[in-house]
Amino acid sequence: MLQPSSHQSLQVAAVPAQREPVRDRDDDAPWHTEAVCRRDEAGLFFAPSKEPTAARLSREEAAKRVCARCPVMVECREHALLQPEPYGVWGGLTAAERRVVLARRRRRDLELKKAAHAAGIAAAG
């Protein structure tokens, strides 16, 4: 199977999730109680020490396939971005992909602040 280039996977990772999480549960239960990964081997989501690159890419793709069918993927991703989780696959994103998403969010927030500041100056002037 062809592996996507890192450029392609980063483009996909930067796109915010468009689907809303499915809610057929008690809203008082923590989101992670419905995580599909709770039923899978944790080793799929976290790298063993000195893992070869090809093995890591294969393992991460397998973990992302598990995430893709998870009803709480959006909550998991946001948890990992807000913490921030430095290791593993969370919400369908690797640690490197999460760093890209966080950097883009920071740039967007900075641009919004600059635009709001400029609008405030123009309105006052």
C-alpha atoms as a PDB file:
ATOM      1  CA  MET A   1       0.000   0.000   0.000  1.00  0.00           C
ATOM      2  CA  LEU A   2       1.232   3.484  -0.843  1.00  0.00           C
ATOM      3  CA  GLN A   3       1.924   5.726   2.101  1.00  0.00           C
ATOM      4  CA  PRO A   4       0.731   9.334   1.742  1.00  0.00           C
ATOM      5  CA  SER A   5       3.489  11.893   1.647  1.00  0.00           C
ATOM      6  CA  SER A   6       3.984  13.894   4.819  1.00  0.00           C
ATOM      7  CA  HIS A   7       2.789  16.970   2.902  1.00  0.00           C
ATOM      8  CA  GLN A   8      -0.510  15.268   2.075  1.00  0.00           C
ATOM      9  CA  SER A   9      -1.093  14.033   5.617  1.00  0.00           C
ATOM     10  CA  LEU A  10      -0.328  17.485   7.048  1.00  0.00           C
ATOM     11  CA  GLN A  11      -2.852  19.064   4.689  1.00  0.00           C
ATOM     12  CA  VAL A  12      -5.491  16.606   5.851  1.00  0.00           C
ATOM     13  CA  ALA A  13      -4.541  17.120   9.488  1.00  0.00           C
ATOM     14  CA  ALA A  14      -4.942  20.885   9.225  1.00  0.00           C
ATOM     15  CA  VAL A  15      -8.553  20.652   8.077  1.00  0.00           C
ATOM     16  CA  PRO A  16     -10.868  20.942  11.083  1.00  0.00           C
ATOM     17  CA  ALA A  17     -13.186  18.022  11.604  1.00  0.00           C
ATOM     18  CA  GLN A  18     -16.524  18.785   9.974  1.00  0.00           C
ATOM     19  CA  ARG A  19     -18.588  16.042  11.536  1.00  0.00           C
ATOM     20  CA  GLU A  20     -20.349  16.376  14.827  1.00  0.00           C
ATOM     21  CA  PRO A  21     -19.848  13.641  17.408  1.00  0.00           C
ATOM     22  CA  VAL A  22     -22.589  11.066  17.774  1.00  0.00           C
ATOM     23  CA  ARG A  23     -24.473  11.392  21.067  1.00  0.00           C
ATOM     24  CA  ASP A  24     -26.329   8.257  22.127  1.00  0.00           C
ATOM     25  CA  ARG A  25     -24.930   8.200  25.649  1.00  0.00           C
ATOM     26  CA  ASP A  26     -25.369   9.707  29.054  1.00  0.00           C
ATOM     27  CA  ASP A  27     -23.890  13.224  28.813  1.00  0.00           C
ATOM     28  CA  ASP A  28     -22.466  12.852  32.333  1.00  0.00           C
ATOM     29  CA  ALA A  29     -20.125  10.046  31.203  1.00  0.00           C
ATOM     30  CA  PRO A  30     -16.628  11.150  30.194  1.00  0.00           C
ATOM     31  CA  TRP A  31     -16.069  11.188  26.435  1.00  0.00           C
ATOM     32  CA  HIS A  32     -13.285   8.621  26.625  1.00  0.00           C
ATOM     33  CA  THR A  33     -15.603   5.894  27.894  1.00  0.00           C
ATOM     34  CA  GLU A  34     -16.841   5.514  24.303  1.00  0.00           C
ATOM     35  CA  ALA A  35     -13.429   5.691  22.646  1.00  0.00           C
ATOM     36  CA  VAL A  36     -12.875   2.824  20.229  1.00  0.00           C
ATOM     37  CA  CYS A  37      -9.188   2.706  21.186  1.00  0.00           C
ATOM     38  CA  ARG A  38     -10.146   1.474  24.663  1.00  0.00           C
ATOM     39  CA  ARG A  39     -10.799  -1.877  23.003  1.00  0.00           C
ATOM     40  CA  ASP A  40      -7.582  -1.923  20.961  1.00  0.00           C
ATOM     41  CA  GLU A  41      -4.005  -2.487  21.950  1.00  0.00           C
ATOM     42  CA  ALA A  42      -2.510   0.710  23.364  1.00  0.00           C
ATOM     43  CA  GLY A  43       0.746  -0.061  21.557  1.00  0.00           C
ATOM     44  CA  LEU A  44      -0.940   0.858  18.307  1.00  0.00           C
ATOM     45  CA  PHE A  45      -1.239   4.480  19.428  1.00  0.00           C
ATOM     46  CA  PHE A  46       2.171   4.995  21.053  1.00  0.00           C
ATOM     47  CA  ALA A  47       5.619   4.322  19.588  1.00  0.00           C
ATOM     48  CA  PRO A  48       7.924   1.777  21.120  1.00  0.00           C
ATOM     49  CA  SER A  49      11.478   3.004  21.673  1.00  0.00           C
ATOM     50  CA  LYS A  50      13.737   2.930  18.605  1.00  0.00           C
ATOM     51  CA  GLU A  51      10.881   2.078  16.230  1.00  0.00           C
ATOM     52  CA  PRO A  52      11.990   2.056  12.562  1.00  0.00           C
ATOM     53  CA  THR A  53      10.384   4.757  10.410  1.00  0.00           C
ATOM     54  CA  ALA A  54       8.513   2.337   8.133  1.00  0.00           C
ATOM     55  CA  ALA A  55       7.076   0.500  11.141  1.00  0.00           C
ATOM     56  CA  ARG A  56       6.063   3.799  12.763  1.00  0.00           C
ATOM     57  CA  LEU A  57       4.276   5.023   9.640  1.00  0.00           C
ATOM     58  CA  SER A  58       2.435   1.728   9.281  1.00  0.00           C
ATOM     59  CA  ARG A  59       1.439   1.691  12.960  1.00  0.00           C
ATOM     60  CA  GLU A  60       0.271   5.324  12.832  1.00  0.00           C
ATOM     61  CA  GLU A  61      -1.873   4.651   9.754  1.00  0.00           C
ATOM     62  CA  ALA A  62      -3.440   1.654  11.516  1.00  0.00           C
ATOM     63  CA  ALA A  63      -4.136   3.824  14.578  1.00  0.00           C
ATOM     64  CA  LYS A  64      -5.714   6.509  12.377  1.00  0.00           C
ATOM     65  CA  ARG A  65      -8.034   3.894  10.853  1.00  0.00           C
ATOM     66  CA  VAL A  66      -9.208   3.049  14.376  1.00  0.00           C
ATOM     67  CA  CYS A  67      -9.728   6.754  15.090  1.00  0.00           C
ATOM     68  CA  ALA A  68     -11.689   7.234  11.867  1.00  0.00           C
ATOM     69  CA  ARG A  69     -14.444   4.924  13.116  1.00  0.00           C
ATOM     70  CA  CYS A  70     -14.540   6.353  16.632  1.00  0.00           C
ATOM     71  CA  PRO A  71     -17.681   8.215  17.774  1.00  0.00           C
ATOM     72  CA  VAL A  72     -15.645  10.530  20.040  1.00  0.00           C
ATOM     73  CA  MET A  73     -12.806  11.359  17.650  1.00  0.00           C
ATOM     74  CA  VAL A  74     -13.568  15.101  17.752  1.00  0.00           C
ATOM     75  CA  GLU A  75     -13.468  15.211  21.578  1.00  0.00           C
ATOM     76  CA  CYS A  76     -10.270  13.161  21.619  1.00  0.00           C
ATOM     77  CA  ARG A  77      -8.586  15.465  19.103  1.00  0.00           C
ATOM     78  CA  GLU A  78      -9.573  18.587  21.027  1.00  0.00           C
ATOM     79  CA  HIS A  79      -8.368  17.038  24.276  1.00  0.00           C
ATOM     80  CA  ALA A  80      -4.991  16.306  22.690  1.00  0.00           C
ATOM     81  CA  LEU A  81      -4.751  19.825  21.268  1.00  0.00           C
ATOM     82  CA  LEU A  82      -5.746  21.549  24.519  1.00  0.00           C
ATOM     83  CA  GLN A  83      -3.500  19.501  26.836  1.00  0.00           C
ATOM     84  CA  PRO A  84      -1.274  19.355  24.584  1.00  0.00           C
ATOM     85  CA  GLU A  85      -0.463  15.655  24.355  1.00  0.00           C
ATOM     86  CA  PRO A  86       3.168  15.350  23.200  1.00  0.00           C
ATOM     87  CA  TYR A  87       3.096  11.677  22.140  1.00  0.00           C
ATOM     88  CA  GLY A  88       0.954   9.186  20.290  1.00  0.00           C
ATOM     89  CA  VAL A  89      -1.991   9.263  17.933  1.00  0.00           C
ATOM     90  CA  TRP A  90      -4.976  11.116  19.402  1.00  0.00           C
ATOM     91  CA  GLY A  91      -8.139  11.989  17.501  1.00  0.00           C
ATOM     92  CA  GLY A  92      -6.634  10.739  14.261  1.00  0.00           C
ATOM     93  CA  LEU A  93      -3.576  13.001  14.445  1.00  0.00           C
ATOM     94  CA  THR A  94       0.053  12.221  15.223  1.00  0.00           C
ATOM     95  CA  ALA A  95       2.043  14.443  17.567  1.00  0.00           C
ATOM     96  CA  ALA A  96       3.692  16.165  14.577  1.00  0.00           C
ATOM     97  CA  GLU A  97       0.315  16.802  12.929  1.00  0.00           C
ATOM     98  CA  ARG A  98      -1.043  18.251  16.171  1.00  0.00           C
ATOM     99  CA  ARG A  99       1.927  20.640  16.347  1.00  0.00           C
ATOM    100  CA  VAL A 100       1.058  21.870  12.839  1.00  0.00           C
ATOM    101  CA  VAL A 101      -2.605  22.367  13.780  1.00  0.00           C
ATOM    102  CA  LEU A 102      -1.616  24.256  16.939  1.00  0.00           C
ATOM    103  CA  ALA A 103       0.815  26.477  15.032  1.00  0.00           C
ATOM    104  CA  ARG A 104      -1.885  27.306  12.480  1.00  0.00           C
ATOM    105  CA  ARG A 105      -4.368  28.088  15.248  1.00  0.00           C
ATOM    106  CA  ARG A 106      -1.854  30.400  16.920  1.00  0.00           C
ATOM    107  CA  ARG A 107      -1.200  32.224  13.618  1.00  0.00           C
ATOM    108  CA  ARG A 108      -4.944  32.532  12.953  1.00  0.00           C
ATOM    109  CA  ASP A 109      -5.598  33.873  16.444  1.00  0.00           C
ATOM    110  CA  LEU A 110      -2.770  36.395  16.081  1.00  0.00           C
ATOM    111  CA  GLU A 111      -4.139  37.559  12.712  1.00  0.00           C
ATOM    112  CA  LEU A 112      -7.626  37.938  14.191  1.00  0.00           C
ATOM    113  CA  LYS A 113      -6.248  40.015  17.084  1.00  0.00           C
ATOM    114  CA  LYS A 114      -4.328  42.235  14.666  1.00  0.00           C
ATOM    115  CA  ALA A 115      -7.426  42.717  12.505  1.00  0.00           C
ATOM    116  CA  ALA A 116      -9.572  43.553  15.541  1.00  0.00           C
ATOM    117  CA  HIS A 117      -6.950  46.034  16.758  1.00  0.00           C
ATOM    118  CA  ALA A 118      -6.753  47.669  13.316  1.00  0.00           C
ATOM    119  CA  ALA A 119     -10.561  47.886  13.143  1.00  0.00           C
ATOM    120  CA  GLY A 120     -10.626  49.518  16.586  1.00  0.00           C
ATOM    121  CA  ILE A 121      -8.094  52.123  15.506  1.00  0.00           C
ATOM    122  CA  ALA A 122     -10.019  52.856  12.288  1.00  0.00           C
ATOM    123  CA  ALA A 123     -13.298  53.233  14.189  1.00  0.00           C
ATOM    124  CA  ALA A 124     -11.716  55.608  16.707  1.00  0.00           C
ATOM    125  CA  GLY A 125      -9.990  57.708  14.079  1.00  0.00           C
END
